Protein backbone atom coordinates (compact mmCIF):
# COMPACT_ATOMS: atom_id res chain seq x y z
CA MET A 1 -0.01 0.06 -0.01
CA LEU A 2 1.38 3.50 -1.11
CA ARG A 3 1.80 5.94 1.79
CA GLN A 4 2.24 9.61 1.36
CA VAL A 5 5.53 11.11 3.24
CA ALA A 6 5.23 14.34 1.58
CA GLU A 7 3.49 16.35 -1.09
CA GLY A 8 3.86 14.41 -4.27
CA VAL A 9 6.01 11.74 -2.61
CA LEU A 10 4.88 8.24 -1.66
CA ILE A 11 6.40 5.11 -0.48
CA HIS A 12 5.86 1.44 -0.49
CA GLN A 13 7.71 -0.65 2.17
CA SER A 14 8.44 -4.35 1.64
CA GLU A 15 8.44 -7.19 4.05
CA PHE A 16 11.99 -7.78 3.12
CA CYS A 17 14.35 -5.82 5.45
CA GLU A 18 11.86 -2.81 5.29
CA SER A 19 12.91 -1.78 1.85
CA ASN A 20 11.36 1.41 0.59
CA ALA A 21 10.26 1.90 -2.90
CA VAL A 22 9.76 5.60 -3.68
CA VAL A 23 7.14 7.12 -6.01
CA VAL A 24 7.46 10.85 -7.04
CA GLN A 25 4.60 12.51 -8.81
CA GLY A 26 5.61 14.25 -12.18
CA GLN A 27 3.60 16.06 -14.88
CA ALA A 28 3.14 13.18 -17.04
CA GLY A 29 3.84 10.14 -14.98
CA VAL A 30 5.88 9.18 -11.90
CA LEU A 31 9.41 8.55 -11.01
CA LEU A 32 10.00 5.10 -9.43
CA ILE A 33 13.05 4.72 -7.39
CA ASP A 34 14.18 1.37 -6.12
CA PRO A 35 10.83 -0.15 -6.93
CA GLY A 36 10.54 -3.29 -4.83
CA ILE A 37 11.46 -6.77 -3.97
CA TYR A 38 8.60 -9.50 -3.98
CA GLY A 39 6.81 -10.07 -7.02
CA SER A 40 3.45 -9.59 -5.04
CA GLU A 41 4.59 -6.34 -3.75
CA MET A 42 5.67 -4.98 -7.22
CA ALA A 43 2.18 -6.23 -8.35
CA CYS A 44 0.56 -4.37 -5.69
CA LEU A 45 2.47 -1.16 -6.37
CA ALA A 46 1.74 -1.55 -10.00
CA ASN A 47 -1.95 -1.80 -9.10
CA ASP A 48 -2.02 1.14 -6.82
CA LEU A 49 -0.48 3.15 -9.49
CA SER A 50 -2.89 1.99 -12.01
CA ASP A 51 -5.66 3.00 -9.87
CA ALA A 52 -4.42 6.49 -9.49
CA ASP A 53 -3.88 6.55 -13.46
CA PRO A 54 -0.41 7.32 -13.69
CA THR A 55 2.18 5.97 -16.14
CA VAL A 56 5.80 5.41 -14.99
CA ALA A 57 7.79 8.02 -16.71
CA ALA A 58 11.28 6.97 -15.29
CA GLY A 59 12.91 4.63 -12.83
CA PHE A 60 16.14 5.23 -10.97
CA SER A 61 18.29 2.89 -8.95
CA THR A 62 20.25 4.39 -6.16
CA HIS A 63 23.03 1.68 -6.34
CA PRO A 64 23.82 -1.63 -8.00
CA HIS A 65 22.91 -4.14 -5.39
CA TRP A 66 20.36 -6.87 -6.33
CA ASP A 67 17.53 -5.35 -4.41
CA HIS A 68 17.69 -2.07 -5.84
CA VAL A 69 18.01 -2.82 -9.71
CA LEU A 70 14.54 -4.97 -9.87
CA TRP A 71 11.89 -4.13 -12.13
CA ASP A 72 8.36 -5.57 -13.35
CA THR A 73 6.70 -5.58 -16.67
CA ARG A 74 3.82 -3.88 -15.18
CA PHE A 75 5.73 -0.72 -14.69
CA GLY A 76 6.21 -0.46 -18.45
CA PRO A 77 9.14 0.35 -20.64
CA ALA A 78 10.29 3.72 -19.10
CA PRO A 79 13.92 4.40 -19.06
CA ARG A 80 15.78 3.10 -15.95
CA TYR A 81 18.55 5.51 -14.73
CA GLY A 82 21.35 5.24 -12.46
CA THR A 83 24.79 6.75 -12.30
CA ALA A 84 27.37 5.91 -14.77
CA ARG A 85 29.15 3.62 -12.10
CA CYS A 86 26.12 1.92 -10.97
CA ALA A 87 25.07 0.96 -14.73
CA ALA A 88 28.65 -0.18 -15.41
CA ALA A 89 28.49 -2.47 -12.37
CA THR A 90 25.04 -4.17 -13.35
CA THR A 91 26.26 -4.57 -16.87
CA ARG A 92 29.46 -6.49 -15.57
CA ASP A 93 27.17 -8.68 -13.62
CA ARG A 94 25.08 -9.53 -16.69
CA LEU A 95 28.21 -10.06 -18.78
CA SER A 96 30.06 -11.97 -16.30
CA GLY A 97 29.48 -15.35 -17.92
CA PRO A 98 26.74 -17.79 -18.69
CA ARG A 99 25.94 -18.51 -15.08
CA TRP A 100 25.72 -14.78 -13.99
CA LYS A 101 22.27 -15.51 -12.65
CA ASP A 102 23.40 -18.28 -10.31
CA SER A 103 26.18 -15.90 -9.22
CA ILE A 104 23.83 -13.29 -8.19
CA ALA A 105 21.30 -15.88 -6.73
CA GLU A 106 23.65 -16.66 -4.10
CA TRP A 107 23.00 -13.30 -2.35
CA VAL A 108 19.23 -13.50 -2.84
CA PRO A 109 16.70 -15.27 -0.63
CA PRO A 110 15.42 -18.45 -2.56
CA ASP A 111 11.59 -17.40 -2.36
CA ILE A 112 12.56 -14.01 -3.87
CA ALA A 113 14.98 -15.32 -6.49
CA GLU A 114 12.08 -17.80 -7.75
CA GLN A 115 9.89 -14.66 -8.29
CA MET A 116 12.38 -12.27 -10.09
CA PRO A 117 12.23 -11.32 -13.77
CA TRP A 118 15.55 -11.89 -14.45
CA ASP A 119 15.18 -10.58 -18.15
CA LEU A 120 14.63 -7.17 -16.77
CA TYR A 121 17.16 -7.46 -13.84
CA GLY A 122 19.81 -4.56 -13.79
CA LEU A 123 18.80 -2.81 -17.19
CA ILE A 124 20.10 0.34 -15.98
CA THR A 125 21.02 3.37 -18.35
CA GLY A 126 23.98 5.28 -16.87
CA LEU A 127 23.65 8.89 -16.74
CA PRO A 128 26.71 10.79 -17.93
CA ALA A 129 29.26 11.30 -15.16
CA GLY A 130 28.76 14.48 -13.16
CA THR A 131 24.95 14.72 -14.22
CA ALA A 132 23.30 16.72 -11.47
CA ARG A 133 19.64 15.88 -11.92
CA ILE A 134 17.52 13.12 -12.92
CA PRO A 135 16.17 13.90 -16.43
CA TRP A 136 12.24 13.80 -16.28
CA ASP A 137 9.31 15.88 -16.55
CA GLY A 138 8.84 16.29 -12.71
CA PRO A 139 10.11 17.85 -9.51
CA GLN A 140 13.82 18.73 -9.68
CA VAL A 141 15.72 15.48 -8.04
CA ARG A 142 19.22 16.36 -7.14
CA ILE A 143 21.94 13.45 -7.56
CA ILE A 144 24.54 13.36 -4.71
CA GLU A 145 26.85 10.55 -5.99
CA HIS A 146 29.46 8.97 -3.68
CA GLN A 147 31.20 5.59 -3.25
CA GLY A 148 30.25 4.80 0.10
CA HIS A 149 28.43 1.61 0.45
CA ALA A 150 28.64 0.66 -3.24
CA GLU A 151 30.27 2.10 -6.35
CA GLY A 152 28.22 4.85 -7.98
CA HIS A 153 25.77 4.98 -5.01
CA ALA A 154 23.34 8.05 -5.18
CA ALA A 155 21.37 9.90 -2.74
CA LEU A 156 18.42 11.82 -4.07
CA LEU A 157 17.23 15.10 -2.99
CA ILE A 158 13.54 15.82 -4.30
CA GLU A 159 14.27 19.62 -4.06
CA GLU A 160 10.90 21.32 -3.89
CA HIS A 161 9.44 18.70 -1.49
CA GLY A 162 12.63 18.54 0.77
CA VAL A 163 12.69 14.76 0.61
CA LEU A 164 16.01 12.96 0.85
CA VAL A 165 16.03 9.31 -0.55
CA ALA A 166 19.24 8.31 1.00
CA GLY A 167 19.67 4.73 -0.42
CA ASP A 168 21.42 2.48 1.91
CA MET A 169 22.34 5.02 4.50
CA LEU A 170 21.04 6.64 7.27
CA SER A 171 18.99 3.60 8.33
CA ASP A 172 17.58 3.18 11.71
CA VAL A 173 17.83 -0.65 11.54
CA LEU A 174 21.04 -1.16 9.28
CA ILE A 175 24.38 -0.39 10.44
CA PRO A 176 26.69 1.11 7.67
CA MET A 177 27.78 -1.68 5.47
CA LEU A 178 30.97 -0.79 3.54
CA ASP A 179 32.17 -1.85 0.23
CA PHE A 180 35.34 -3.90 0.45
CA ASP A 181 35.97 -4.57 -3.06
CA ASP A 182 39.61 -4.61 -3.58
CA ASP A 183 39.87 -1.03 -5.40
CA THR A 184 38.14 0.69 -2.74
CA ALA A 185 38.83 2.76 0.48
CA PRO A 186 35.79 1.68 2.46
CA ILE A 187 36.11 3.88 5.62
CA GLU A 188 37.35 6.82 3.77
CA ASP A 189 34.58 6.56 0.88
CA TYR A 190 31.80 6.20 3.35
CA LEU A 191 32.79 9.01 5.60
CA ALA A 192 33.15 11.11 2.33
CA GLY A 193 29.61 9.94 1.50
CA LEU A 194 28.28 11.14 4.90
CA ARG A 195 29.92 14.61 4.37
CA LEU A 196 28.32 15.13 1.24
CA ILE A 197 24.68 14.19 2.61
CA GLU A 198 25.66 16.43 5.70
CA GLY A 199 26.01 19.27 3.16
CA ILE A 200 22.52 19.13 2.04
CA ALA A 201 21.00 18.11 5.34
CA GLY A 202 19.71 21.74 5.80
CA ASP A 203 17.39 21.30 2.76
CA VAL A 204 15.72 18.13 4.23
CA ASP A 205 12.33 17.82 5.97
CA VAL A 206 11.71 14.12 5.23
CA LEU A 207 14.26 11.26 5.30
CA VAL A 208 13.60 8.03 3.27
CA PRO A 209 16.47 5.42 4.05
CA GLY A 210 16.69 2.41 1.64
CA HIS A 211 15.79 0.27 4.76
CA GLY A 212 13.86 1.28 7.85
CA SER A 213 11.88 4.01 9.11
CA ILE A 214 11.00 7.44 7.46
CA GLY A 215 12.45 10.29 9.49
CA GLY A 216 11.61 13.92 9.84
CA ALA A 217 14.03 16.94 9.60
CA ASP A 218 15.41 16.23 13.10
CA GLN A 219 16.54 12.81 12.28
CA VAL A 220 18.84 13.60 9.20
CA ARG A 221 21.75 14.99 11.33
CA ALA A 222 21.12 12.52 14.06
CA ARG A 223 21.40 9.57 11.85
CA ILE A 224 24.37 11.11 10.07
CA GLU A 225 26.26 11.30 13.20
CA GLN A 226 25.12 7.79 14.24
CA ASP A 227 26.47 6.15 11.06
CA ARG A 228 29.60 8.27 11.50
CA ALA A 229 30.16 6.98 15.07
CA TYR A 230 29.83 3.51 13.80
CA VAL A 231 32.32 3.84 10.99
CA HIS A 232 34.70 5.66 13.28
CA ALA A 233 34.40 2.73 15.96
CA LEU A 234 34.92 0.31 13.14
CA ARG A 235 37.94 1.91 11.96
CA ASP A 236 39.32 2.13 15.35
CA GLY A 237 38.44 -1.53 16.54
CA ASP A 238 36.24 -0.09 19.24
CA VAL A 239 32.80 -1.73 20.30
CA PRO A 240 30.29 0.52 18.92
CA ALA A 241 27.72 2.13 21.12
CA ASP A 242 24.93 1.42 18.53
CA LEU A 243 21.42 0.19 19.23
CA ARG A 244 21.30 -1.34 15.85
CA VAL A 245 23.84 -3.90 16.98
CA GLY A 246 23.53 -6.47 19.71
CA PRO A 247 20.65 -7.39 22.08
CA SER A 248 19.28 -3.75 21.85
CA ALA A 249 18.59 -4.47 17.97
CA LYS A 250 14.92 -4.13 16.81
CA ASP A 251 13.11 -7.57 16.75
CA GLY A 252 14.11 -9.59 13.89
CA TRP A 253 17.27 -7.67 13.03
CA ASP A 254 19.82 -9.53 15.38
CA TRP A 255 21.48 -10.68 12.25
CA VAL A 256 22.95 -7.15 11.93
CA ALA A 257 25.50 -7.99 14.67
CA SER A 258 26.80 -10.82 12.30
CA VAL A 259 27.40 -8.12 9.64
CA HIS A 260 29.36 -6.18 12.10
CA GLU A 261 31.57 -9.04 12.92
CA ARG A 262 32.05 -9.72 9.26
CA GLN A 263 33.14 -6.25 8.63
CA LEU A 264 35.54 -6.20 11.24
CA HIS A 265 37.35 -9.36 9.92
CA GLN A 266 37.28 -7.84 6.50
CA LEU A 267 38.70 -4.62 7.81
CA ALA A 268 41.41 -6.68 9.64
CA ARG A 269 42.22 -8.63 6.78
CA ARG A 270 42.47 -5.72 4.53
CA ARG A 271 45.01 -4.13 6.97
CA GLU A 272 46.91 -7.36 7.23
CA HIS A 273 47.21 -7.52 3.36
CA GLU A 274 48.29 -3.92 2.98
CA GLY A 275 50.81 -4.20 5.82
CA SER A 276 52.36 -7.41 4.14
CA PRO A 277 55.49 -6.86 1.93
CA GLY A 278 54.81 -6.59 -1.58
């Protein structure tokens, strides 16, 4: 069920990790951001849109992780945008060999993988590097690109409505999940991304994270500081004073503690590798 969070901006929250699909109303249709997970949920979203009689004018994926590059035929043939790096990453996935689906499916819960329209997976058109706004006939949507969490990650500011679509950052249930690919600087990239978002925090009235609860203006800087404190603790090898980790985690989110432990190990291995003789 669609829920309005600001004028002209609605969300549809999935049962999977409280994933938030975002609908922005435009002049001749809607912009659909990170549109959904389960097939039944995307069908519900498509039906809600059909009842309101708008077409999907464009789509946007905030980053190239599997749960943000899905689509459904019922949304129609609208262009699906992402940053150039996001599009390059999804193209690499699809061209990685004849068993690319199996490789991606290893990360996807089986019940979701069975429903996914694989022929539509990751068909993202990369916007030219440095593109400042999404090209569509609707409210101005500013692109804030950074490399925290994933390559080509974009936060989006729906300017006239004061809505920040944060991608997989600033969640009240998920800790910062860093990108540990070999050619990244995970700590530095994440902190740089937070600084970019902090630079537009004063323009935000509503915060929509990729996963978790919607926040008001008062939550933007609070969640930035919470994410920054976690990354600093991870960097320094400290125990994070973070309610998202450990026994204080929200019901059903106890697995986040294992994500934290895995990130500690990945960071330690990276440091060990970087400190070893070449």
